């Protein structure tokens, strides 16, 4: 019997190993470029989470993002960039977990209250409407305020809330599917149609930030509800730049 040449014997010997390793699914390594472990944010900031997978051998993987063990979102292909919108996470310490193919990476983040130290920052965290405000058919809501448990809410056409302030810039958060007229003095400055931000129905909207700049002077600021389902207003910030 003829002996098989050494070259072919080597091929026969190593071929099963080659086939085994070439057919085995790769296990990716997860690199989190943002945030750093222990990074701190204010509650009125978006949080950008950026993930890179290496050692994938060209294969696509689904990357899942968990916040405090609750699934937040998943992406099935690169780039793996997640955005946690401002106000989505309450103040305090939180754990972010990124998973891909059974591999897990953790990051701790710290969320501080949104600029609460500013005297020109208005929330309704104590369950009261400031006495210098004029309010018609808006009431305190005791659930899911932007920066704590309280916000102000209304569902009545024509309901309005107003205050007087000297500033040149203003920001505030709205939540709910409604249309609001925003006035500077007697001037209609903006018609805000919050219906355009619907997510899974009109009552499940996330807080949405609105920002406006104007000439610095003393204004009467007015929010007037024109149509829609209940809407909440909170986290109002006046600026003098």
C-alpha atoms as a PDB file:
ATOM      1  CA  UNK A   1       0.000   0.000   0.000  1.00  0.00           C
ATOM      2  CA  UNK A   2       1.241   3.470  -0.920  1.00  0.00           C
ATOM      3  CA  UNK A   3       1.929   5.854   1.934  1.00  0.00           C
ATOM      4  CA  UNK A   4       0.081   9.171   1.835  1.00  0.00           C
ATOM      5  CA  UNK A   5       2.542  12.009   1.362  1.00  0.00           C
ATOM      6  CA  UNK A   6       3.343  14.006   4.481  1.00  0.00           C
ATOM      7  CA  UNK A   7       1.786  17.182   3.026  1.00  0.00           C
ATOM      8  CA  UNK A   8      -1.585  15.526   2.551  1.00  0.00           C
ATOM      9  CA  UNK A   9      -1.368  13.803   5.940  1.00  0.00           C
ATOM     10  CA  UNK A  10      -0.907  17.207   7.570  1.00  0.00           C
ATOM     11  CA  UNK A  11      -3.923  18.565   5.713  1.00  0.00           C
ATOM     12  CA  UNK A  12      -6.046  15.616   6.798  1.00  0.00           C
ATOM     13  CA  UNK A  13      -4.857  16.013  10.405  1.00  0.00           C
ATOM     14  CA  UNK A  14      -5.405  19.763  10.720  1.00  0.00           C
ATOM     15  CA  UNK A  15      -8.538  20.121   8.540  1.00  0.00           C
ATOM     16  CA  UNK A  16     -11.033  19.157  11.306  1.00  0.00           C
ATOM     17  CA  UNK A  17      -9.475  21.717  13.655  1.00  0.00           C
ATOM     18  CA  UNK A  18      -9.597  24.395  10.968  1.00  0.00           C
ATOM     19  CA  UNK A  19     -13.224  23.635  10.162  1.00  0.00           C
ATOM     20  CA  UNK A  20     -14.167  23.621  13.853  1.00  0.00           C
ATOM     21  CA  UNK A  21     -12.599  26.978  14.667  1.00  0.00           C
ATOM     22  CA  UNK A  22     -13.665  28.646  11.431  1.00  0.00           C
ATOM     23  CA  UNK A  23     -17.297  27.616  12.015  1.00  0.00           C
ATOM     24  CA  UNK A  24     -17.393  28.653  15.669  1.00  0.00           C
ATOM     25  CA  UNK A  25     -19.220  31.950  16.245  1.00  0.00           C
ATOM     26  CA  UNK A  26     -16.886  34.707  17.425  1.00  0.00           C
ATOM     27  CA  UNK A  27     -17.302  36.163  20.900  1.00  0.00           C
ATOM     28  CA  UNK A  28     -17.066  39.951  20.702  1.00  0.00           C
ATOM     29  CA  UNK A  29     -15.272  42.200  23.136  1.00  0.00           C
ATOM     30  CA  UNK A  30     -17.207  45.282  24.267  1.00  0.00           C
ATOM     31  CA  UNK A  31     -15.519  48.664  24.486  1.00  0.00           C
ATOM     32  CA  UNK A  32     -17.587  51.478  26.042  1.00  0.00           C
ATOM     33  CA  UNK A  33     -16.200  54.839  24.930  1.00  0.00           C
ATOM     34  CA  UNK A  34     -18.895  56.813  26.779  1.00  0.00           C
ATOM     35  CA  UNK A  35     -19.725  57.201  29.618  1.00  0.00           C
ATOM     36  CA  UNK A  36     -16.761  56.633  31.893  1.00  0.00           C
ATOM     37  CA  UNK A  37     -17.371  54.677  35.078  1.00  0.00           C
ATOM     38  CA  UNK A  38     -18.712  57.011  37.782  1.00  0.00           C
ATOM     39  CA  UNK A  39     -19.461  59.839  35.341  1.00  0.00           C
ATOM     40  CA  UNK A  40     -21.819  62.510  36.663  1.00  0.00           C
ATOM     41  CA  UNK A  41     -24.726  64.226  34.881  1.00  0.00           C
ATOM     42  CA  UNK A  42     -27.496  66.663  35.647  1.00  0.00           C
ATOM     43  CA  UNK A  43     -31.033  65.471  35.056  1.00  0.00           C
ATOM     44  CA  UNK A  44     -31.582  68.039  32.301  1.00  0.00           C
ATOM     45  CA  UNK A  45     -28.718  66.533  30.229  1.00  0.00           C
ATOM     46  CA  UNK A  46     -28.950  63.838  27.578  1.00  0.00           C
ATOM     47  CA  UNK A  47     -26.684  60.854  28.261  1.00  0.00           C
ATOM     48  CA  UNK A  48     -24.825  59.494  25.235  1.00  0.00           C
ATOM     49  CA  UNK A  49     -23.754  55.839  25.421  1.00  0.00           C
ATOM     50  CA  UNK A  50     -21.307  54.755  22.720  1.00  0.00           C
ATOM     51  CA  UNK A  51     -20.195  51.160  22.284  1.00  0.00           C
ATOM     52  CA  UNK A  52     -17.691  49.516  19.945  1.00  0.00           C
ATOM     53  CA  UNK A  53     -17.470  45.768  19.358  1.00  0.00           C
ATOM     54  CA  UNK A  54     -14.129  44.200  18.416  1.00  0.00           C
ATOM     55  CA  UNK A  55     -13.134  40.613  17.537  1.00  0.00           C
ATOM     56  CA  UNK A  56     -16.410  40.182  15.641  1.00  0.00           C
ATOM     57  CA  UNK A  57     -14.850  38.588  12.515  1.00  0.00           C
ATOM     58  CA  UNK A  58     -17.213  40.695  10.438  1.00  0.00           C
ATOM     59  CA  UNK A  59     -20.357  39.383  12.093  1.00  0.00           C
ATOM     60  CA  UNK A  60     -23.130  41.699  13.312  1.00  0.00           C
ATOM     61  CA  UNK A  61     -24.316  41.394  16.897  1.00  0.00           C
ATOM     62  CA  UNK A  62     -27.264  42.784  18.810  1.00  0.00           C
ATOM     63  CA  UNK A  63     -26.182  45.096  21.622  1.00  0.00           C
ATOM     64  CA  UNK A  64     -28.641  45.569  24.483  1.00  0.00           C
ATOM     65  CA  UNK A  65     -28.638  48.420  26.965  1.00  0.00           C
ATOM     66  CA  UNK A  66     -30.015  47.942  30.471  1.00  0.00           C
ATOM     67  CA  UNK A  67     -30.545  50.610  33.126  1.00  0.00           C
ATOM     68  CA  UNK A  68     -30.753  49.191  36.647  1.00  0.00           C
ATOM     69  CA  UNK A  69     -31.490  45.725  35.156  1.00  0.00           C
ATOM     70  CA  UNK A  70     -34.396  47.029  33.051  1.00  0.00           C
ATOM     71  CA  UNK A  71     -34.030  46.821  29.276  1.00  0.00           C
ATOM     72  CA  UNK A  72     -33.813  50.308  27.761  1.00  0.00           C
ATOM     73  CA  UNK A  73     -33.047  49.703  24.094  1.00  0.00           C
ATOM     74  CA  UNK A  74     -31.209  47.424  21.676  1.00  0.00           C
ATOM     75  CA  UNK A  75     -29.418  47.901  18.367  1.00  0.00           C
ATOM     76  CA  UNK A  76     -28.831  45.110  15.877  1.00  0.00           C
ATOM     77  CA  UNK A  77     -25.915  46.695  13.997  1.00  0.00           C
ATOM     78  CA  UNK A  78     -23.213  49.323  14.336  1.00  0.00           C
ATOM     79  CA  UNK A  79     -22.926  52.156  15.162  1.00  0.00           C
ATOM     80  CA  UNK A  80     -24.024  51.231  18.669  1.00  0.00           C
ATOM     81  CA  UNK A  81     -24.957  54.684  19.940  1.00  0.00           C
ATOM     82  CA  UNK A  82     -27.718  55.052  22.526  1.00  0.00           C
ATOM     83  CA  UNK A  83     -29.211  58.303  23.846  1.00  0.00           C
ATOM     84  CA  UNK A  84     -30.950  58.488  27.211  1.00  0.00           C
ATOM     85  CA  UNK A  85     -33.040  61.639  26.959  1.00  0.00           C
ATOM     86  CA  UNK A  86     -32.945  64.255  29.704  1.00  0.00           C
ATOM     87  CA  UNK A  87     -35.314  63.472  32.542  1.00  0.00           C
ATOM     88  CA  UNK A  88     -35.619  59.782  31.662  1.00  0.00           C
ATOM     89  CA  UNK A  89     -33.670  58.679  34.760  1.00  0.00           C
ATOM     90  CA  UNK A  90     -34.405  59.993  38.230  1.00  0.00           C
ATOM     91  CA  UNK A  91     -31.719  61.584  40.358  1.00  0.00           C
ATOM     92  CA  UNK A  92     -29.341  59.217  42.147  1.00  0.00           C
ATOM     93  CA  UNK A  93     -26.844  56.429  41.411  1.00  0.00           C
ATOM     94  CA  UNK A  94     -27.594  54.067  38.535  1.00  0.00           C
ATOM     95  CA  UNK A  95     -26.016  51.048  36.861  1.00  0.00           C
ATOM     96  CA  UNK A  96     -25.773  50.787  33.084  1.00  0.00           C
ATOM     97  CA  UNK A  97     -25.251  47.324  31.615  1.00  0.00           C
ATOM     98  CA  UNK A  98     -24.278  46.672  27.986  1.00  0.00           C
ATOM     99  CA  UNK A  99     -24.695  43.106  26.698  1.00  0.00           C
ATOM    100  CA  UNK A 100     -23.693  41.371  23.461  1.00  0.00           C
ATOM    101  CA  UNK A 101     -23.624  37.600  22.886  1.00  0.00           C
ATOM    102  CA  UNK A 102     -23.510  36.847  26.609  1.00  0.00           C
ATOM    103  CA  UNK A 103     -20.721  39.346  27.276  1.00  0.00           C
ATOM    104  CA  UNK A 104     -21.571  42.094  29.792  1.00  0.00           C
ATOM    105  CA  UNK A 105     -19.935  45.422  30.663  1.00  0.00           C
ATOM    106  CA  UNK A 106     -21.080  47.686  33.496  1.00  0.00           C
ATOM    107  CA  UNK A 107     -20.846  51.420  34.137  1.00  0.00           C
ATOM    108  CA  UNK A 108     -21.960  53.411  37.164  1.00  0.00           C
ATOM    109  CA  UNK A 109     -23.420  56.885  36.560  1.00  0.00           C
ATOM    110  CA  UNK A 110     -24.616  59.573  38.958  1.00  0.00           C
ATOM    111  CA  UNK A 111     -27.577  61.818  38.130  1.00  0.00           C
ATOM    112  CA  UNK A 112     -27.919  65.137  39.951  1.00  0.00           C
ATOM    113  CA  UNK A 113     -31.050  67.231  40.113  1.00  0.00           C
ATOM    114  CA  UNK A 114     -31.393  69.649  37.229  1.00  0.00           C
ATOM    115  CA  UNK A 115     -29.760  72.950  38.160  1.00  0.00           C
ATOM    116  CA  UNK A 116     -31.818  73.091  41.361  1.00  0.00           C
ATOM    117  CA  UNK A 117     -29.302  75.393  42.962  1.00  0.00           C
ATOM    118  CA  UNK A 118     -30.308  78.261  40.667  1.00  0.00           C
ATOM    119  CA  UNK A 119     -32.802  80.793  42.092  1.00  0.00           C
ATOM    120  CA  UNK A 120     -34.149  81.165  38.553  1.00  0.00           C
ATOM    121  CA  UNK A 121     -34.925  77.463  38.289  1.00  0.00           C
ATOM    122  CA  UNK A 122     -38.599  76.683  38.977  1.00  0.00           C
ATOM    123  CA  UNK A 123     -39.978  73.259  39.752  1.00  0.00           C
ATOM    124  CA  UNK A 124     -42.980  72.300  41.832  1.00  0.00           C
ATOM    125  CA  UNK A 125     -41.208  69.744  43.996  1.00  0.00           C
ATOM    126  CA  UNK A 126     -42.837  70.943  47.216  1.00  0.00           C
ATOM    127  CA  UNK A 127     -46.330  70.558  45.771  1.00  0.00           C
ATOM    128  CA  UNK A 128     -46.937  74.315  45.612  1.00  0.00           C
ATOM    129  CA  UNK A 129     -47.276  76.835  42.824  1.00  0.00           C
ATOM    130  CA  UNK A 130     -45.133  79.926  43.569  1.00  0.00           C
ATOM    131  CA  UNK A 131     -47.284  82.784  44.909  1.00  0.00           C
ATOM    132  CA  UNK A 132     -45.968  85.238  42.296  1.00  0.00           C
ATOM    133  CA  UNK A 133     -47.423  83.094  39.515  1.00  0.00           C
ATOM    134  CA  UNK A 134     -50.925  83.640  38.069  1.00  0.00           C
ATOM    135  CA  UNK A 135     -52.620  80.305  37.406  1.00  0.00           C
ATOM    136  CA  UNK A 136     -55.984  79.588  35.778  1.00  0.00           C
ATOM    137  CA  UNK A 137     -57.160  75.956  35.530  1.00  0.00           C
ATOM    138  CA  UNK A 138     -53.701  74.463  36.067  1.00  0.00           C
ATOM    139  CA  UNK A 139     -53.240  72.210  39.104  1.00  0.00           C
ATOM    140  CA  UNK A 140     -50.428  70.380  40.862  1.00  0.00           C
ATOM    141  CA  UNK A 141     -49.812  66.864  39.547  1.00  0.00           C
ATOM    142  CA  UNK A 142     -48.292  64.504  42.102  1.00  0.00           C
ATOM    143  CA  UNK A 143     -46.873  61.968  39.636  1.00  0.00           C
ATOM    144  CA  UNK A 144     -43.824  61.884  37.415  1.00  0.00           C
ATOM    145  CA  UNK A 145     -42.593  65.443  37.591  1.00  0.00           C
ATOM    146  CA  UNK A 146     -39.479  66.175  35.564  1.00  0.00           C
ATOM    147  CA  UNK A 147     -37.144  66.643  38.513  1.00  0.00           C
ATOM    148  CA  UNK A 148     -39.184  65.075  41.314  1.00  0.00           C
ATOM    149  CA  UNK A 149     -42.761  63.979  42.089  1.00  0.00           C
ATOM    150  CA  UNK A 150     -44.590  67.175  41.181  1.00  0.00           C
ATOM    151  CA  UNK A 151     -45.363  69.239  38.088  1.00  0.00           C
ATOM    152  CA  UNK A 152     -48.322  71.386  37.040  1.00  0.00           C
ATOM    153  CA  UNK A 153     -50.921  69.988  34.676  1.00  0.00           C
ATOM    154  CA  UNK A 154     -54.039  70.978  32.768  1.00  0.00           C
ATOM    155  CA  UNK A 155     -56.483  69.517  30.261  1.00  0.00           C
ATOM    156  CA  UNK A 156     -58.803  72.523  29.831  1.00  0.00           C
ATOM    157  CA  UNK A 157     -58.883  74.645  26.682  1.00  0.00           C
ATOM    158  CA  UNK A 158     -57.776  78.179  27.485  1.00  0.00           C
ATOM    159  CA  UNK A 159     -56.122  77.257  30.769  1.00  0.00           C
ATOM    160  CA  UNK A 160     -53.103  79.475  31.327  1.00  0.00           C
ATOM    161  CA  UNK A 161     -50.229  80.049  33.699  1.00  0.00           C
ATOM    162  CA  UNK A 162     -48.074  83.182  33.757  1.00  0.00           C
ATOM    163  CA  UNK A 163     -45.235  84.877  35.608  1.00  0.00           C
ATOM    164  CA  UNK A 164     -43.113  88.033  35.297  1.00  0.00           C
ATOM    165  CA  UNK A 165     -39.355  87.890  34.864  1.00  0.00           C
ATOM    166  CA  UNK A 166     -36.468  89.899  33.441  1.00  0.00           C
ATOM    167  CA  UNK A 167     -34.222  87.678  31.283  1.00  0.00           C
ATOM    168  CA  UNK A 168     -33.044  87.039  27.739  1.00  0.00           C
ATOM    169  CA  UNK A 169     -33.431  83.275  27.529  1.00  0.00           C
ATOM    170  CA  UNK A 170     -35.866  80.684  28.826  1.00  0.00           C
ATOM    171  CA  UNK A 171     -36.183  76.906  28.840  1.00  0.00           C
ATOM    172  CA  UNK A 172     -38.866  74.561  30.120  1.00  0.00           C
ATOM    173  CA  UNK A 173     -40.117  70.988  29.788  1.00  0.00           C
ATOM    174  CA  UNK A 174     -43.505  69.791  28.565  1.00  0.00           C
ATOM    175  CA  UNK A 175     -44.990  66.310  28.674  1.00  0.00           C
ATOM    176  CA  UNK A 176     -48.257  65.328  27.002  1.00  0.00           C
ATOM    177  CA  UNK A 177     -49.971  65.489  23.618  1.00  0.00           C
ATOM    178  CA  UNK A 178     -51.300  69.035  23.374  1.00  0.00           C
ATOM    179  CA  UNK A 179     -50.890  72.389  21.675  1.00  0.00           C
ATOM    180  CA  UNK A 180     -49.751  75.346  23.783  1.00  0.00           C
ATOM    181  CA  UNK A 181     -49.441  79.017  22.871  1.00  0.00           C
ATOM    182  CA  UNK A 182     -46.368  80.587  24.467  1.00  0.00           C
ATOM    183  CA  UNK A 183     -46.499  84.378  24.865  1.00  0.00           C
ATOM    184  CA  UNK A 184     -43.942  87.078  25.664  1.00  0.00           C
ATOM    185  CA  UNK A 185     -46.130  89.878  26.954  1.00  0.00           C
ATOM    186  CA  UNK A 186     -48.965  90.244  24.432  1.00  0.00           C
ATOM    187  CA  UNK A 187     -46.902  88.708  21.624  1.00  0.00           C
ATOM    188  CA  UNK A 188     -47.540  85.121  20.579  1.00  0.00           C
ATOM    189  CA  UNK A 189     -43.935  83.912  20.460  1.00  0.00           C
ATOM    190  CA  UNK A 190     -44.448  80.240  19.592  1.00  0.00           C
ATOM    191  CA  UNK A 191     -47.234  77.736  18.934  1.00  0.00           C
ATOM    192  CA  UNK A 192     -45.922  74.536  20.520  1.00  0.00           C
ATOM    193  CA  UNK A 193     -47.447  71.397  19.035  1.00  0.00           C
ATOM    194  CA  UNK A 194     -46.340  68.645  21.386  1.00  0.00           C
ATOM    195  CA  UNK A 195     -48.458  66.137  19.404  1.00  0.00           C
ATOM    196  CA  UNK A 196     -45.569  65.767  16.961  1.00  0.00           C
ATOM    197  CA  UNK A 197     -43.567  63.853  19.582  1.00  0.00           C
ATOM    198  CA  UNK A 198     -45.992  60.950  20.094  1.00  0.00           C
ATOM    199  CA  UNK A 199     -44.459  57.710  21.360  1.00  0.00           C
ATOM    200  CA  UNK A 200     -46.810  54.740  21.815  1.00  0.00           C
ATOM    201  CA  UNK A 201     -49.861  56.958  22.237  1.00  0.00           C
ATOM    202  CA  UNK A 202     -50.537  60.485  23.439  1.00  0.00           C
ATOM    203  CA  UNK A 203     -50.334  59.791  27.189  1.00  0.00           C
ATOM    204  CA  UNK A 204     -46.898  58.143  27.079  1.00  0.00           C
ATOM    205  CA  UNK A 205     -44.844  61.094  25.905  1.00  0.00           C
ATOM    206  CA  UNK A 206     -41.439  61.710  27.377  1.00  0.00           C
ATOM    207  CA  UNK A 207     -40.475  65.124  28.736  1.00  0.00           C
ATOM    208  CA  UNK A 208     -39.460  67.417  25.883  1.00  0.00           C
ATOM    209  CA  UNK A 209     -37.194  70.448  26.292  1.00  0.00           C
ATOM    210  CA  UNK A 210     -38.080  73.823  24.731  1.00  0.00           C
ATOM    211  CA  UNK A 211     -35.628  76.745  24.627  1.00  0.00           C
ATOM    212  CA  UNK A 212     -36.127  80.339  23.466  1.00  0.00           C
ATOM    213  CA  UNK A 213     -33.897  83.413  23.231  1.00  0.00           C
ATOM    214  CA  UNK A 214     -35.048  87.034  22.932  1.00  0.00           C
ATOM    215  CA  UNK A 215     -34.076  90.617  23.782  1.00  0.00           C
ATOM    216  CA  UNK A 216     -33.331  91.077  27.451  1.00  0.00           C
ATOM    217  CA  UNK A 217     -36.178  92.935  29.193  1.00  0.00           C
ATOM    218  CA  UNK A 218     -39.012  92.360  31.654  1.00  0.00           C
ATOM    219  CA  UNK A 219     -41.730  90.115  30.209  1.00  0.00           C
ATOM    220  CA  UNK A 220     -44.956  88.513  31.272  1.00  0.00           C
ATOM    221  CA  UNK A 221     -44.458  84.878  30.241  1.00  0.00           C
ATOM    222  CA  UNK A 222     -47.665  82.954  29.530  1.00  0.00           C
ATOM    223  CA  UNK A 223     -48.347  79.328  28.670  1.00  0.00           C
ATOM    224  CA  UNK A 224     -51.909  78.859  27.328  1.00  0.00           C
ATOM    225  CA  UNK A 225     -53.364  75.421  26.558  1.00  0.00           C
ATOM    226  CA  UNK A 226     -55.188  75.392  23.218  1.00  0.00           C
ATOM    227  CA  UNK A 227     -56.011  71.743  22.525  1.00  0.00           C
ATOM    228  CA  UNK A 228     -55.139  68.164  23.355  1.00  0.00           C
ATOM    229  CA  UNK A 229     -55.009  65.777  26.245  1.00  0.00           C
ATOM    230  CA  UNK A 230     -53.547  66.610  29.685  1.00  0.00           C
ATOM    231  CA  UNK A 231     -50.154  68.255  29.519  1.00  0.00           C
ATOM    232  CA  UNK A 232     -47.548  68.831  32.243  1.00  0.00           C
ATOM    233  CA  UNK A 233     -45.166  71.777  32.633  1.00  0.00           C
ATOM    234  CA  UNK A 234     -42.042  71.661  34.808  1.00  0.00           C
ATOM    235  CA  UNK A 235     -38.344  72.581  35.165  1.00  0.00           C
ATOM    236  CA  UNK A 236     -38.567  76.205  34.039  1.00  0.00           C
ATOM    237  CA  UNK A 237     -35.217  77.997  33.822  1.00  0.00           C
ATOM    238  CA  UNK A 238     -34.732  81.744  33.319  1.00  0.00           C
ATOM    239  CA  UNK A 239     -31.348  82.983  32.100  1.00  0.00           C
ATOM    240  CA  UNK A 240     -29.522  86.310  32.096  1.00  0.00           C
ATOM    241  CA  UNK A 241     -26.559  85.813  29.779  1.00  0.00           C
END
